[in-house]
Amino acid sequence: MKVVLDPTAERSPSSRERLARPEQLAGLTVGLLDISKPRGDVFLDRLESLLSQRGVSVKRYMKPTVAKPAPLPLRQQIVGEVDLVVEGLAD
């Protein structure tokens, strides 16, 4: 079990089981979430290219600002459209 610290509520950390990683990406849709940090799009562009070359379906998303968690409607959209998510962090 992993403890997840939420920077918006550190006084009450959440404990969640880590989900198993898929054995392969074939047949899955991967979401790429740009958190709006500088150059995050450069990393995600490259990752999208590599995944697409392997036939993996990719959907792109972007948070409106790096300073806050992704808005609930965006999180709900992501959950409804993809099987797993990669967040792009960069500077």
Protein backbone atom coordinates (compact mmCIF):
# COMPACT_ATOMS: atom_id res chain seq x y z
CA MET A 1 0.00 0.00 0.00
CA LYS A 2 1.30 3.44 -0.95
CA VAL A 3 0.56 6.69 0.87
CA VAL A 4 -0.36 9.50 -1.50
CA LEU A 5 0.25 13.03 -0.25
CA ASP A 6 -2.02 15.60 -1.80
CA PRO A 7 -0.38 19.03 -1.77
CA THR A 8 -3.81 20.63 -1.37
CA ALA A 9 -4.56 18.69 1.86
CA GLU A 10 -1.32 17.33 3.35
CA ARG A 11 -2.79 16.97 6.83
CA SER A 12 -4.89 14.03 5.73
CA PRO A 13 -2.94 11.77 3.34
CA SER A 14 -4.84 9.14 1.38
CA SER A 15 -3.86 5.48 1.31
CA ARG A 16 -4.57 3.70 -1.96
CA GLU A 17 -3.57 0.44 -3.52
CA ARG A 18 -1.35 0.95 -6.53
CA LEU A 19 -3.03 -0.28 -9.70
CA ALA A 20 -1.23 -2.99 -11.62
CA ARG A 21 0.54 -1.81 -14.76
CA PRO A 22 -0.76 -3.28 -17.98
CA GLU A 23 1.44 -6.00 -19.45
CA GLN A 24 1.15 -4.40 -22.89
CA LEU A 25 -0.27 -1.25 -24.47
CA ALA A 26 -1.74 -2.93 -27.55
CA GLY A 27 -5.47 -2.30 -27.65
CA LEU A 28 -5.38 0.35 -24.93
CA THR A 29 -5.85 4.11 -25.20
CA VAL A 30 -3.16 6.17 -23.47
CA GLY A 31 -3.96 9.66 -22.23
CA LEU A 32 -1.17 12.24 -22.18
CA LEU A 33 -1.82 15.00 -19.66
CA ASP A 34 0.13 18.22 -20.07
CA ILE A 35 0.15 19.93 -16.66
CA SER A 36 1.02 23.29 -18.28
CA LYS A 37 4.67 23.44 -17.22
CA PRO A 38 7.09 24.89 -19.76
CA ARG A 39 8.30 22.36 -22.33
CA GLY A 40 5.99 19.61 -21.07
CA ASP A 41 4.46 19.60 -24.54
CA VAL A 42 7.89 18.80 -26.05
CA PHE A 43 8.16 15.65 -23.93
CA LEU A 44 4.57 14.63 -24.63
CA ASP A 45 4.93 15.29 -28.38
CA ARG A 46 7.86 12.87 -28.48
CA LEU A 47 6.05 10.29 -26.35
CA GLU A 48 2.95 10.53 -28.56
CA SER A 49 5.12 9.98 -31.63
CA LEU A 50 6.76 6.88 -30.13
CA LEU A 51 3.46 5.41 -28.97
CA SER A 52 1.73 6.12 -32.28
CA GLN A 53 4.56 4.42 -34.19
CA ARG A 54 3.77 1.29 -32.17
CA GLY A 55 0.08 1.49 -33.02
CA VAL A 56 -1.04 2.72 -29.60
CA SER A 57 -4.07 5.02 -29.54
CA VAL A 58 -3.26 8.35 -27.84
CA LYS A 59 -5.46 11.19 -26.56
CA ARG A 60 -4.04 14.53 -25.39
CA TYR A 61 -5.26 16.67 -22.49
CA MET A 62 -4.03 19.86 -20.84
CA LYS A 63 -4.63 21.37 -17.43
CA PRO A 64 -5.56 25.06 -17.55
CA THR A 65 -2.82 25.93 -15.05
CA VAL A 66 0.08 24.20 -13.33
CA ALA A 67 -0.82 25.86 -10.01
CA LYS A 68 -3.99 23.85 -9.34
CA PRO A 69 -5.17 20.24 -9.66
CA ALA A 70 -6.94 19.32 -12.89
CA PRO A 71 -10.57 20.46 -12.74
CA LEU A 72 -13.11 17.74 -11.98
CA PRO A 73 -14.73 17.85 -15.46
CA LEU A 74 -11.33 17.28 -17.08
CA ARG A 75 -10.55 14.37 -14.74
CA GLN A 76 -13.96 12.83 -15.47
CA GLN A 77 -13.38 13.21 -19.21
CA ILE A 78 -9.99 11.52 -18.96
CA VAL A 79 -11.36 8.62 -16.91
CA GLY A 80 -14.11 8.08 -19.45
CA GLU A 81 -11.85 8.14 -22.51
CA VAL A 82 -8.57 6.36 -21.71
CA ASP A 83 -7.16 3.26 -20.04
CA LEU A 84 -4.10 4.89 -18.50
CA VAL A 85 -2.52 8.34 -18.20
CA VAL A 86 1.00 9.74 -18.41
CA GLU A 87 1.52 13.19 -16.91
CA GLY A 88 4.13 15.33 -18.60
CA LEU A 89 6.43 17.18 -16.21
CA ALA A 90 9.14 19.42 -17.59
CA ASP A 91 10.97 22.71 -17.28
